[in-house]
């Protein structure tokens, strides 16, 4: 059984890579010229997923953190507010240079925040609550952060296109553990469509009964 909290790290890795690529692309436009519009659209989608994830953490993760490690959660909530402000500054930038500067700052904030969560927050939960409670937390987190069915294919393409095979296997295994057979059956073909042929073969090898 894969510890369910490991799935959160997978999503964090997707956030890291996506924003790193956006930051570099915005910099290239500011330096060499080009159209920022597609990058703004991409950043808005990133921001929507990040907002869902943060609200899920504030609903399911931080209260449990308050129980086992009081006073830590408010520090992470403050980070969430700061990142939301940073997203607004990028989208509302007056020109390409301002957009590049704001994106760089946002990238730093997000990278630092995710590193703190992966280094301190989630290890504390792993150490101080049992696997059943961890599964409950992740189930509640997904309940708040998972997108509606009509945009689920886009989310799958986003997530699985940004993470490596180990992460793909981790999050698919956790979903298989937590989801009902019916719901997982909806996700399975979307995962297959979101990954390469070789990635799907590797997932099928690692996860018995996936196909």
N, C-alpha and C. Protein backbone atom coordinates (compact mmCIF):
# COMPACT_ATOMS: atom_id res chain seq x y z
N UNK A 1 0.85 -1.20 0.00
CA UNK A 1 0.00 0.00 0.00
C UNK A 1 0.88 1.24 0.00
N UNK A 2 0.56 2.20 -0.89
CA UNK A 2 1.29 3.46 -0.96
C UNK A 2 0.69 4.43 0.06
N UNK A 3 1.51 5.06 0.92
CA UNK A 3 0.97 6.06 1.85
C UNK A 3 0.23 7.15 1.08
N UNK A 4 -0.99 7.43 1.48
CA UNK A 4 -1.84 8.34 0.69
C UNK A 4 -1.28 9.76 0.60
N UNK A 5 -0.59 10.20 1.64
CA UNK A 5 -0.05 11.56 1.62
C UNK A 5 1.00 11.74 0.54
N UNK A 6 1.57 10.64 0.03
CA UNK A 6 2.55 10.75 -1.05
C UNK A 6 1.92 11.36 -2.30
N UNK A 7 0.61 11.20 -2.46
CA UNK A 7 -0.06 11.75 -3.64
C UNK A 7 -0.02 13.27 -3.64
N UNK A 8 0.00 13.88 -2.46
CA UNK A 8 0.05 15.34 -2.38
C UNK A 8 1.38 15.85 -2.94
N UNK A 9 2.45 15.14 -2.63
CA UNK A 9 3.76 15.52 -3.15
C UNK A 9 3.79 15.46 -4.67
N UNK A 10 3.07 14.51 -5.25
CA UNK A 10 2.99 14.42 -6.71
C UNK A 10 2.39 15.70 -7.30
N UNK A 11 1.30 16.15 -6.72
CA UNK A 11 0.68 17.38 -7.20
C UNK A 11 1.62 18.57 -7.01
N UNK A 12 2.32 18.60 -5.90
CA UNK A 12 3.30 19.65 -5.68
C UNK A 12 4.37 19.65 -6.77
N UNK A 13 4.81 18.47 -7.17
CA UNK A 13 5.82 18.39 -8.23
C UNK A 13 5.27 18.94 -9.55
N UNK A 14 3.99 18.69 -9.82
CA UNK A 14 3.38 19.24 -11.03
C UNK A 14 3.32 20.76 -10.96
N UNK A 15 2.96 21.30 -9.80
CA UNK A 15 2.96 22.75 -9.64
C UNK A 15 4.35 23.33 -9.90
N UNK A 16 5.36 22.70 -9.34
CA UNK A 16 6.72 23.19 -9.51
C UNK A 16 7.12 23.27 -10.98
N UNK A 17 6.90 22.18 -11.69
CA UNK A 17 7.34 22.13 -13.09
C UNK A 17 6.54 23.11 -13.95
N UNK A 18 5.23 23.15 -13.74
CA UNK A 18 4.40 24.02 -14.56
C UNK A 18 4.81 25.47 -14.38
N UNK A 19 4.94 25.92 -13.14
CA UNK A 19 5.27 27.32 -12.92
C UNK A 19 6.70 27.63 -13.36
N UNK A 20 7.61 26.69 -13.22
CA UNK A 20 8.97 26.89 -13.72
C UNK A 20 8.96 27.12 -15.23
N UNK A 21 8.18 26.32 -15.95
CA UNK A 21 8.09 26.48 -17.41
C UNK A 21 7.43 27.80 -17.78
N UNK A 22 6.39 28.18 -17.04
CA UNK A 22 5.71 29.45 -17.30
C UNK A 22 6.67 30.61 -17.05
N UNK A 23 7.38 30.56 -15.95
CA UNK A 23 8.33 31.62 -15.59
C UNK A 23 9.37 31.80 -16.70
N UNK A 24 9.93 30.69 -17.17
CA UNK A 24 10.94 30.78 -18.22
C UNK A 24 10.34 31.33 -19.52
N UNK A 25 9.13 30.91 -19.85
CA UNK A 25 8.50 31.37 -21.09
C UNK A 25 8.17 32.86 -21.03
N UNK A 26 7.69 33.34 -19.88
CA UNK A 26 7.40 34.76 -19.73
C UNK A 26 8.69 35.57 -19.84
N UNK A 27 9.75 35.08 -19.26
CA UNK A 27 11.05 35.75 -19.36
C UNK A 27 11.49 35.86 -20.82
N UNK A 28 11.30 34.80 -21.59
CA UNK A 28 11.71 34.81 -22.99
C UNK A 28 10.90 35.84 -23.79
N UNK A 29 9.61 35.96 -23.48
CA UNK A 29 8.80 36.97 -24.16
C UNK A 29 9.27 38.37 -23.79
N UNK A 30 9.56 38.60 -22.51
CA UNK A 30 10.03 39.91 -22.08
C UNK A 30 11.37 40.26 -22.71
N UNK A 31 12.20 39.26 -22.93
CA UNK A 31 13.54 39.51 -23.46
C UNK A 31 13.54 39.63 -24.98
N UNK A 32 12.79 38.78 -25.66
CA UNK A 32 12.88 38.71 -27.12
C UNK A 32 11.61 39.16 -27.83
N UNK A 33 10.53 39.41 -27.09
CA UNK A 33 9.28 39.78 -27.72
C UNK A 33 8.39 38.57 -27.96
N UNK A 34 7.12 38.84 -28.19
CA UNK A 34 6.17 37.76 -28.42
C UNK A 34 4.85 38.05 -27.76
N UNK A 35 3.98 37.07 -27.78
CA UNK A 35 2.62 37.20 -27.28
C UNK A 35 2.49 36.54 -25.91
N UNK A 36 2.12 37.35 -24.92
CA UNK A 36 1.94 36.82 -23.57
C UNK A 36 0.60 36.13 -23.36
N UNK A 37 -0.34 36.34 -24.26
CA UNK A 37 -1.71 35.87 -24.03
C UNK A 37 -1.81 34.38 -23.70
N UNK A 38 -1.15 33.49 -24.48
CA UNK A 38 -1.26 32.07 -24.15
C UNK A 38 -0.69 31.74 -22.77
N UNK A 39 0.33 32.48 -22.37
CA UNK A 39 0.94 32.23 -21.06
C UNK A 39 0.03 32.72 -19.94
N UNK A 40 -0.68 33.81 -20.17
CA UNK A 40 -1.64 34.29 -19.17
C UNK A 40 -2.76 33.27 -18.99
N UNK A 41 -3.23 32.70 -20.10
CA UNK A 41 -4.26 31.66 -20.03
C UNK A 41 -3.74 30.46 -19.26
N UNK A 42 -2.52 30.06 -19.57
CA UNK A 42 -1.91 28.92 -18.88
C UNK A 42 -1.76 29.22 -17.39
N UNK A 43 -1.35 30.43 -17.06
CA UNK A 43 -1.17 30.80 -15.65
C UNK A 43 -2.51 30.85 -14.93
N UNK A 44 -3.55 31.30 -15.61
CA UNK A 44 -4.88 31.33 -14.98
C UNK A 44 -5.36 29.92 -14.66
N UNK A 45 -5.07 28.97 -15.56
CA UNK A 45 -5.45 27.59 -15.28
C UNK A 45 -4.63 27.06 -14.10
N UNK A 46 -3.34 27.34 -14.10
CA UNK A 46 -2.49 26.97 -12.96
C UNK A 46 -3.07 27.54 -11.67
N UNK A 47 -3.47 28.82 -11.72
CA UNK A 47 -4.01 29.47 -10.53
C UNK A 47 -5.30 28.83 -10.05
N UNK A 48 -6.14 28.38 -10.98
CA UNK A 48 -7.39 27.72 -10.60
C UNK A 48 -7.12 26.41 -9.87
N UNK A 49 -6.19 25.62 -10.41
CA UNK A 49 -5.86 24.35 -9.76
C UNK A 49 -5.21 24.60 -8.40
N UNK A 50 -4.30 25.58 -8.35
CA UNK A 50 -3.64 25.90 -7.09
C UNK A 50 -4.67 26.35 -6.04
N UNK A 51 -5.63 27.16 -6.46
CA UNK A 51 -6.66 27.64 -5.53
C UNK A 51 -7.48 26.47 -4.98
N UNK A 52 -7.87 25.53 -5.86
CA UNK A 52 -8.62 24.36 -5.40
C UNK A 52 -7.79 23.56 -4.39
N UNK A 53 -6.53 23.38 -4.72
CA UNK A 53 -5.64 22.60 -3.85
C UNK A 53 -5.49 23.28 -2.48
N UNK A 54 -5.29 24.58 -2.50
CA UNK A 54 -5.11 25.30 -1.23
C UNK A 54 -6.38 25.26 -0.38
N UNK A 55 -7.53 25.43 -1.00
CA UNK A 55 -8.78 25.36 -0.23
C UNK A 55 -8.97 23.95 0.35
N UNK A 56 -8.56 22.93 -0.42
CA UNK A 56 -8.62 21.57 0.10
C UNK A 56 -7.72 21.38 1.30
N UNK A 57 -6.52 21.93 1.23
CA UNK A 57 -5.60 21.84 2.38
C UNK A 57 -6.18 22.56 3.60
N UNK A 58 -6.74 23.73 3.38
CA UNK A 58 -7.27 24.51 4.51
C UNK A 58 -8.47 23.81 5.14
N UNK A 59 -9.21 23.04 4.35
CA UNK A 59 -10.37 22.32 4.88
C UNK A 59 -9.97 21.01 5.57
N UNK A 60 -9.04 20.27 4.96
CA UNK A 60 -8.79 18.90 5.41
C UNK A 60 -7.45 18.72 6.13
N UNK A 61 -6.44 19.44 5.69
CA UNK A 61 -5.08 19.19 6.19
C UNK A 61 -4.74 20.06 7.40
N UNK A 62 -4.98 21.35 7.28
CA UNK A 62 -4.54 22.26 8.33
C UNK A 62 -5.24 22.02 9.68
N UNK A 63 -6.53 21.70 9.71
CA UNK A 63 -7.14 21.39 11.02
C UNK A 63 -6.47 20.19 11.70
N UNK A 64 -6.11 19.19 10.92
CA UNK A 64 -5.42 18.03 11.51
C UNK A 64 -4.02 18.42 11.98
N UNK A 65 -3.37 19.30 11.21
CA UNK A 65 -2.07 19.80 11.65
C UNK A 65 -2.19 20.57 12.96
N UNK A 66 -3.25 21.35 13.10
CA UNK A 66 -3.48 22.08 14.35
C UNK A 66 -3.60 21.12 15.53
N UNK A 67 -4.18 19.96 15.27
CA UNK A 67 -4.38 18.99 16.35
C UNK A 67 -3.07 18.38 16.81
N UNK A 68 -2.17 18.06 15.88
CA UNK A 68 -0.96 17.34 16.25
C UNK A 68 0.27 18.24 16.37
N UNK A 69 0.20 19.45 15.79
CA UNK A 69 1.32 20.39 15.86
C UNK A 69 0.77 21.81 15.86
N UNK A 70 0.21 22.24 16.99
CA UNK A 70 -0.43 23.56 17.07
C UNK A 70 0.51 24.69 16.66
N UNK A 71 -0.08 25.73 16.08
CA UNK A 71 0.58 26.99 15.69
C UNK A 71 1.27 26.94 14.33
N UNK A 72 1.40 25.77 13.73
CA UNK A 72 2.08 25.71 12.44
C UNK A 72 1.16 26.12 11.29
N UNK A 73 -0.09 25.71 11.33
CA UNK A 73 -0.99 25.91 10.19
C UNK A 73 -1.12 27.37 9.75
N UNK A 74 -1.24 28.35 10.67
CA UNK A 74 -1.39 29.74 10.22
C UNK A 74 -0.25 30.22 9.32
N UNK A 75 0.95 29.68 9.52
CA UNK A 75 2.07 30.08 8.68
C UNK A 75 1.83 29.68 7.23
N UNK A 76 1.23 28.53 7.01
CA UNK A 76 0.97 28.07 5.65
C UNK A 76 -0.23 28.79 5.04
N UNK A 77 -1.21 29.14 5.86
CA UNK A 77 -2.35 29.91 5.36
C UNK A 77 -1.88 31.26 4.85
N UNK A 78 -0.97 31.91 5.58
CA UNK A 78 -0.43 33.19 5.13
C UNK A 78 0.25 33.04 3.77
N UNK A 79 0.97 31.96 3.56
CA UNK A 79 1.60 31.70 2.27
C UNK A 79 0.55 31.63 1.16
N UNK A 80 -0.56 30.96 1.43
CA UNK A 80 -1.62 30.83 0.44
C UNK A 80 -2.13 32.20 0.02
N UNK A 81 -2.33 33.09 0.96
CA UNK A 81 -2.83 34.43 0.64
C UNK A 81 -1.80 35.19 -0.19
N UNK A 82 -0.54 35.04 0.14
CA UNK A 82 0.52 35.73 -0.58
C UNK A 82 0.61 35.24 -2.03
N UNK A 83 0.46 33.94 -2.23
CA UNK A 83 0.53 33.40 -3.59
C UNK A 83 -0.66 33.86 -4.42
N UNK A 84 -1.84 33.97 -3.82
CA UNK A 84 -3.01 34.46 -4.55
C UNK A 84 -2.79 35.90 -5.01
N UNK A 85 -2.20 36.70 -4.15
CA UNK A 85 -1.89 38.09 -4.53
C UNK A 85 -0.86 38.11 -5.66
N UNK A 86 0.11 37.22 -5.60
CA UNK A 86 1.13 37.17 -6.64
C UNK A 86 0.56 36.80 -8.00
N UNK A 87 -0.39 35.87 -8.02
CA UNK A 87 -1.05 35.51 -9.27
C UNK A 87 -1.78 36.71 -9.86
N UNK A 88 -2.44 37.48 -9.02
CA UNK A 88 -3.15 38.66 -9.49
C UNK A 88 -2.21 39.69 -10.09
N UNK A 89 -1.02 39.83 -9.52
CA UNK A 89 -0.05 40.80 -10.02
C UNK A 89 0.47 40.40 -11.40
N UNK A 90 0.64 39.11 -11.64
CA UNK A 90 1.09 38.66 -12.96
C UNK A 90 0.02 38.93 -14.00
N UNK A 91 -1.21 38.50 -13.71
CA UNK A 91 -2.30 38.65 -14.67
C UNK A 91 -2.57 40.13 -14.97
N UNK A 92 -2.40 40.96 -13.96
CA UNK A 92 -2.68 42.39 -14.14
C UNK A 92 -1.48 43.23 -14.52
N UNK A 93 -0.37 42.59 -14.89
CA UNK A 93 0.86 43.33 -15.22
C UNK A 93 0.63 44.26 -16.41
N UNK A 94 1.28 45.43 -16.34
CA UNK A 94 1.08 46.45 -17.38
C UNK A 94 1.79 46.12 -18.68
N UNK A 95 2.91 45.40 -18.59
CA UNK A 95 3.66 45.08 -19.80
C UNK A 95 4.46 43.80 -19.57
N UNK A 96 5.22 43.41 -20.60
CA UNK A 96 5.95 42.14 -20.54
C UNK A 96 7.00 42.13 -19.43
N UNK A 97 7.67 43.26 -19.22
CA UNK A 97 8.71 43.31 -18.19
C UNK A 97 8.10 43.16 -16.80
N UNK A 98 7.01 43.88 -16.56
CA UNK A 98 6.34 43.74 -15.26
C UNK A 98 5.84 42.32 -15.06
N UNK A 99 5.33 41.71 -16.13
CA UNK A 99 4.85 40.33 -16.04
C UNK A 99 5.98 39.38 -15.68
N UNK A 100 7.15 39.58 -16.30
CA UNK A 100 8.30 38.73 -16.02
C UNK A 100 8.75 38.87 -14.58
N UNK A 101 8.78 40.09 -14.10
CA UNK A 101 9.20 40.33 -12.71
C UNK A 101 8.21 39.70 -11.73
N UNK A 102 6.92 39.91 -11.99
CA UNK A 102 5.90 39.36 -11.09
C UNK A 102 5.89 37.84 -11.12
N UNK A 103 6.10 37.25 -12.31
CA UNK A 103 6.12 35.79 -12.42
C UNK A 103 7.31 35.20 -11.68
N UNK A 104 8.45 35.88 -11.76
CA UNK A 104 9.64 35.41 -11.04
C UNK A 104 9.42 35.41 -9.53
N UNK A 105 8.79 36.48 -9.05
CA UNK A 105 8.49 36.56 -7.61
C UNK A 105 7.51 35.47 -7.21
N UNK A 106 6.47 35.29 -8.01
CA UNK A 106 5.49 34.24 -7.73
C UNK A 106 6.15 32.87 -7.71
N UNK A 107 7.01 32.61 -8.69
CA UNK A 107 7.71 31.33 -8.76
C UNK A 107 8.50 31.08 -7.47
N UNK A 108 9.17 32.10 -6.98
CA UNK A 108 9.94 31.97 -5.74
C UNK A 108 9.02 31.66 -4.56
N UNK A 109 7.90 32.39 -4.47
CA UNK A 109 6.97 32.17 -3.36
C UNK A 109 6.41 30.74 -3.38
N UNK A 110 5.99 30.29 -4.55
CA UNK A 110 5.38 28.96 -4.64
C UNK A 110 6.41 27.88 -4.35
N UNK A 111 7.59 28.02 -4.93
CA UNK A 111 8.64 27.01 -4.71
C UNK A 111 9.01 26.93 -3.23
N UNK A 112 9.13 28.07 -2.57
CA UNK A 112 9.48 28.09 -1.15
C UNK A 112 8.36 27.47 -0.30
N UNK A 113 7.13 27.83 -0.63
CA UNK A 113 5.99 27.30 0.13
C UNK A 113 5.89 25.79 0.00
N UNK A 114 6.00 25.28 -1.22
CA UNK A 114 5.89 23.83 -1.42
C UNK A 114 7.03 23.10 -0.72
N UNK A 115 8.22 23.69 -0.73
CA UNK A 115 9.35 23.07 -0.05
C UNK A 115 9.09 22.99 1.46
N UNK A 116 8.50 24.03 2.03
CA UNK A 116 8.17 24.01 3.47
C UNK A 116 7.13 22.92 3.77
N UNK A 117 6.12 22.82 2.91
CA UNK A 117 5.11 21.79 3.16
C UNK A 117 5.71 20.40 3.06
N UNK A 118 6.53 20.17 2.03
CA UNK A 118 7.10 18.83 1.83
C UNK A 118 8.14 18.49 2.88
N UNK A 119 8.81 19.51 3.44
CA UNK A 119 9.87 19.27 4.42
C UNK A 119 9.34 19.21 5.85
N UNK A 120 8.31 19.98 6.16
CA UNK A 120 7.85 20.08 7.54
C UNK A 120 6.40 19.60 7.74
N UNK A 121 5.46 20.14 6.95
CA UNK A 121 4.05 19.87 7.21
C UNK A 121 3.71 18.39 7.04
N UNK A 122 3.94 17.86 5.85
CA UNK A 122 3.50 16.49 5.58
C UNK A 122 4.33 15.44 6.33
N UNK A 123 5.63 15.64 6.55
CA UNK A 123 6.34 14.69 7.42
C UNK A 123 5.79 14.65 8.84
N UNK A 124 5.36 15.80 9.37
CA UNK A 124 4.76 15.81 10.71
C UNK A 124 3.50 14.95 10.73
N UNK A 125 2.66 15.11 9.70
CA UNK A 125 1.43 14.31 9.65
C UNK A 125 1.75 12.82 9.50
N UNK A 126 2.74 12.49 8.67
CA UNK A 126 3.11 11.08 8.50
C UNK A 126 3.57 10.46 9.82
N UNK A 127 4.29 11.25 10.61
CA UNK A 127 4.85 10.74 11.86
C UNK A 127 3.81 10.63 12.98
N UNK A 128 2.79 11.49 12.95
CA UNK A 128 1.93 11.63 14.13
C UNK A 128 0.51 11.13 13.95
N UNK A 129 0.12 10.73 12.75
CA UNK A 129 -1.21 10.15 12.58
C UNK A 129 -1.07 8.84 11.82
N UNK A 130 -2.03 7.94 12.02
CA UNK A 130 -1.91 6.63 11.40
C UNK A 130 -2.35 6.66 9.94
N UNK A 131 -2.15 5.55 9.24
CA UNK A 131 -2.41 5.50 7.80
C UNK A 131 -3.88 5.69 7.48
N UNK A 132 -4.76 5.18 8.36
CA UNK A 132 -6.19 5.36 8.14
C UNK A 132 -6.59 6.82 8.19
N UNK A 133 -6.05 7.56 9.17
CA UNK A 133 -6.34 8.98 9.28
C UNK A 133 -5.75 9.75 8.10
N UNK A 134 -4.57 9.33 7.64
CA UNK A 134 -3.98 9.97 6.47
C UNK A 134 -4.86 9.79 5.24
N UNK A 135 -5.41 8.59 5.08
CA UNK A 135 -6.30 8.33 3.96
C UNK A 135 -7.54 9.21 4.02
N UNK A 136 -8.08 9.40 5.22
CA UNK A 136 -9.25 10.27 5.39
C UNK A 136 -8.92 11.70 4.98
N UNK A 137 -7.75 12.17 5.40
CA UNK A 137 -7.34 13.54 5.05
C UNK A 137 -7.25 13.71 3.54
N UNK A 138 -6.58 12.77 2.88
CA UNK A 138 -6.39 12.89 1.44
C UNK A 138 -7.73 12.77 0.72
N UNK A 139 -8.61 11.90 1.20
CA UNK A 139 -9.93 11.78 0.60
C UNK A 139 -10.70 13.10 0.68
N UNK A 140 -10.63 13.77 1.83
CA UNK A 140 -11.29 15.06 1.99
C UNK A 140 -10.62 16.13 1.13
N UNK A 141 -9.29 16.06 1.03
CA UNK A 141 -8.55 17.02 0.20
C UNK A 141 -8.98 16.90 -1.25
N UNK A 142 -9.05 15.64 -1.75
CA UNK A 142 -9.47 15.45 -3.14
C UNK A 142 -10.91 15.89 -3.33
N UNK A 143 -11.74 15.67 -2.31
CA UNK A 143 -13.13 16.07 -2.43
C UNK A 143 -13.29 17.56 -2.65
N UNK A 144 -12.39 18.34 -2.08
CA UNK A 144 -12.44 19.79 -2.25
C UNK A 144 -11.67 20.28 -3.47
N UNK A 145 -10.62 19.57 -3.87
CA UNK A 145 -9.72 20.10 -4.90
C UNK A 145 -9.92 19.47 -6.27
N UNK A 146 -10.59 18.30 -6.33
CA UNK A 146 -10.77 17.64 -7.62
C UNK A 146 -11.70 18.47 -8.49
N UNK A 147 -11.38 18.68 -9.76
CA UNK A 147 -12.23 19.51 -10.62
C UNK A 147 -13.52 18.80 -11.00
N UNK A 148 -14.51 19.53 -11.46
CA UNK A 148 -15.76 18.90 -11.93
C UNK A 148 -15.51 17.95 -13.09
N UNK A 149 -16.43 17.03 -13.30
CA UNK A 149 -16.26 16.01 -14.33
C UNK A 149 -16.01 16.60 -15.71
N UNK A 150 -16.65 17.73 -16.01
CA UNK A 150 -16.55 18.26 -17.36
C UNK A 150 -15.15 18.79 -17.68
N UNK A 151 -14.36 19.11 -16.67
CA UNK A 151 -13.00 19.58 -16.93
C UNK A 151 -11.95 18.59 -16.42
N UNK A 152 -12.40 17.42 -16.00
CA UNK A 152 -11.47 16.41 -15.49
C UNK A 152 -10.45 15.98 -16.54
N UNK A 153 -10.83 15.80 -17.82
CA UNK A 153 -9.81 15.43 -18.81
C UNK A 153 -8.68 16.44 -18.90
N UNK A 154 -9.00 17.73 -18.83
CA UNK A 154 -7.96 18.76 -18.88
C UNK A 154 -7.04 18.65 -17.67
N UNK A 155 -7.62 18.38 -16.52
CA UNK A 155 -6.81 18.23 -15.31
C UNK A 155 -5.87 17.03 -15.43
N UNK A 156 -6.38 15.92 -15.94
CA UNK A 156 -5.54 14.73 -16.10
C UNK A 156 -4.38 15.01 -17.06
N UNK A 157 -4.67 15.70 -18.17
CA UNK A 157 -3.61 16.04 -19.11
C UNK A 157 -2.57 16.95 -18.46
N UNK A 158 -3.05 17.89 -17.65
CA UNK A 158 -2.13 18.79 -16.96
C UNK A 158 -1.24 18.01 -16.00
N UNK A 159 -1.85 17.23 -15.12
CA UNK A 159 -1.10 16.56 -14.06
C UNK A 159 -0.13 15.52 -14.61
N UNK A 160 -0.64 14.59 -15.42
CA UNK A 160 0.19 13.49 -15.87
C UNK A 160 1.22 13.94 -16.91
N UNK A 161 0.98 15.08 -17.56
CA UNK A 161 1.96 15.60 -18.49
C UNK A 161 3.14 16.29 -17.84
N UNK A 162 3.04 16.53 -16.53
CA UNK A 162 4.09 17.29 -15.84
C UNK A 162 4.92 16.45 -14.88
N UNK A 163 4.54 15.20 -14.63
CA UNK A 163 5.25 14.40 -13.64
C UNK A 163 5.85 13.15 -14.28
N UNK A 164 6.84 12.57 -13.61
CA UNK A 164 7.53 11.41 -14.16
C UNK A 164 6.76 10.11 -13.87
N UNK A 165 7.30 8.99 -14.34
CA UNK A 165 6.60 7.72 -14.20
C UNK A 165 6.41 7.31 -12.75
N UNK A 166 7.39 7.59 -11.89
CA UNK A 166 7.23 7.24 -10.47
C UNK A 166 6.05 8.00 -9.87
N UNK A 167 5.96 9.29 -10.16
CA UNK A 167 4.86 10.08 -9.64
C UNK A 167 3.53 9.64 -10.25
N UNK A 168 3.53 9.32 -11.54
CA UNK A 168 2.31 8.83 -12.17
C UNK A 168 1.81 7.56 -11.47
N UNK A 169 2.73 6.67 -11.17
CA UNK A 169 2.35 5.42 -10.51
C UNK A 169 1.87 5.68 -9.08
N UNK A 170 2.51 6.60 -8.38
CA UNK A 170 2.12 6.90 -7.01
C UNK A 170 0.71 7.43 -6.94
N UNK A 171 0.40 8.43 -7.74
CA UNK A 171 -0.92 9.06 -7.60
C UNK A 171 -2.02 8.14 -8.13
N UNK A 172 -1.71 7.36 -9.18
CA UNK A 172 -2.71 6.41 -9.67
C UNK A 172 -3.00 5.34 -8.63
N UNK A 173 -1.96 4.85 -7.97
CA UNK A 173 -2.15 3.84 -6.93
C UNK A 173 -2.98 4.38 -5.77
N UNK A 174 -2.69 5.60 -5.35
CA UNK A 174 -3.45 6.19 -4.24
C UNK A 174 -4.91 6.38 -4.65
N UNK A 175 -5.15 6.86 -5.86
CA UNK A 175 -6.53 6.99 -6.31
C UNK A 175 -7.24 5.64 -6.31
N UNK A 176 -6.55 4.61 -6.77
CA UNK A 176 -7.14 3.27 -6.81
C UNK A 176 -7.47 2.79 -5.39
N UNK A 177 -6.63 3.15 -4.42
CA UNK A 177 -6.88 2.76 -3.03
C UNK A 177 -8.08 3.50 -2.43
N UNK A 178 -8.25 4.76 -2.79
CA UNK A 178 -9.23 5.61 -2.12
C UNK A 178 -10.57 5.68 -2.83
N UNK A 179 -10.56 5.60 -4.15
CA UNK A 179 -11.78 5.80 -4.92
C UNK A 179 -12.62 4.54 -4.96
N UNK A 180 -13.92 4.74 -5.14
CA UNK A 180 -14.77 3.60 -5.43
C UNK A 180 -14.40 3.04 -6.80
N UNK A 181 -14.77 1.81 -7.04
CA UNK A 181 -14.47 1.19 -8.34
C UNK A 181 -15.11 1.98 -9.48
N UNK A 182 -16.30 2.50 -9.24
CA UNK A 182 -17.00 3.26 -10.27
C UNK A 182 -16.26 4.55 -10.63
N UNK A 183 -15.85 5.30 -9.61
CA UNK A 183 -15.16 6.57 -9.86
C UNK A 183 -13.80 6.32 -10.47
N UNK A 184 -13.08 5.32 -9.97
CA UNK A 184 -11.77 5.03 -10.54
C UNK A 184 -11.92 4.58 -11.99
N UNK A 185 -13.01 3.90 -12.29
CA UNK A 185 -13.27 3.47 -13.65
C UNK A 185 -13.46 4.65 -14.60
N UNK A 186 -13.95 5.77 -14.09
CA UNK A 186 -14.06 6.99 -14.90
C UNK A 186 -12.68 7.58 -15.14
N UNK A 187 -11.82 7.53 -14.13
CA UNK A 187 -10.49 8.14 -14.23
C UNK A 187 -9.53 7.34 -15.11
N UNK A 188 -9.67 6.02 -15.12
CA UNK A 188 -8.69 5.18 -15.80
C UNK A 188 -8.51 5.52 -17.28
N UNK A 189 -9.57 5.62 -18.08
CA UNK A 189 -9.34 5.97 -19.48
C UNK A 189 -8.79 7.38 -19.67
N UNK A 190 -9.11 8.28 -18.74
CA UNK A 190 -8.56 9.64 -18.83
C UNK A 190 -7.06 9.62 -18.57
N UNK A 191 -6.64 8.79 -17.63
CA UNK A 191 -5.20 8.64 -17.38
C UNK A 191 -4.52 8.07 -18.61
N UNK A 192 -5.12 7.04 -19.20
CA UNK A 192 -4.54 6.40 -20.39
C UNK A 192 -4.38 7.41 -21.52
N UNK A 193 -5.37 8.29 -21.69
CA UNK A 193 -5.30 9.30 -22.75
C UNK A 193 -4.30 10.39 -22.44
N UNK A 194 -3.99 10.59 -21.15
CA UNK A 194 -3.12 11.70 -20.76
C UNK A 194 -1.64 11.35 -20.80
N UNK A 195 -1.30 10.06 -20.88
CA UNK A 195 0.09 9.65 -20.82
C UNK A 195 0.55 9.08 -22.17
N UNK A 196 1.84 8.94 -22.31
CA UNK A 196 2.38 8.32 -23.52
C UNK A 196 2.13 6.82 -23.49
N UNK A 197 2.33 6.18 -24.64
CA UNK A 197 2.16 4.73 -24.71
C UNK A 197 3.11 4.01 -23.76
N UNK A 198 4.34 4.47 -23.71
CA UNK A 198 5.32 3.82 -22.82
C UNK A 198 4.97 4.06 -21.36
N UNK A 199 4.47 5.26 -21.03
CA UNK A 199 4.06 5.53 -19.65
C UNK A 199 2.88 4.64 -19.24
N UNK A 200 1.94 4.46 -20.16
CA UNK A 200 0.79 3.60 -19.85
C UNK A 200 1.22 2.15 -19.65
N UNK A 201 2.15 1.70 -20.47
CA UNK A 201 2.65 0.33 -20.31
C UNK A 201 3.32 0.17 -18.95
N UNK A 202 4.06 1.19 -18.53
CA UNK A 202 4.73 1.12 -17.23
C UNK A 202 3.72 1.16 -16.09
N UNK A 203 2.70 2.02 -16.21
CA UNK A 203 1.66 2.06 -15.20
C UNK A 203 0.93 0.72 -15.08
N UNK A 204 0.63 0.12 -16.22
CA UNK A 204 -0.06 -1.18 -16.23
C UNK A 204 0.80 -2.26 -15.59
N UNK A 205 2.09 -2.16 -15.79
CA UNK A 205 3.00 -3.14 -15.19
C UNK A 205 3.07 -2.97 -13.66
N UNK A 206 3.10 -1.74 -13.21
CA UNK A 206 3.25 -1.46 -11.80
C UNK A 206 1.97 -1.65 -10.99
N UNK A 207 0.83 -1.44 -11.62
CA UNK A 207 -0.44 -1.44 -10.87
C UNK A 207 -1.31 -2.59 -11.36
N UNK A 208 -1.33 -3.68 -10.66
CA UNK A 208 -2.13 -4.85 -11.09
C UNK A 208 -3.60 -4.48 -11.22
N UNK A 209 -4.21 -4.95 -12.30
CA UNK A 209 -5.63 -4.74 -12.50
C UNK A 209 -5.98 -3.38 -13.06
N UNK A 210 -4.99 -2.58 -13.42
CA UNK A 210 -5.29 -1.23 -13.93
C UNK A 210 -6.07 -1.29 -15.23
N UNK A 211 -5.73 -2.23 -16.08
CA UNK A 211 -6.39 -2.31 -17.38
C UNK A 211 -7.64 -3.17 -17.34
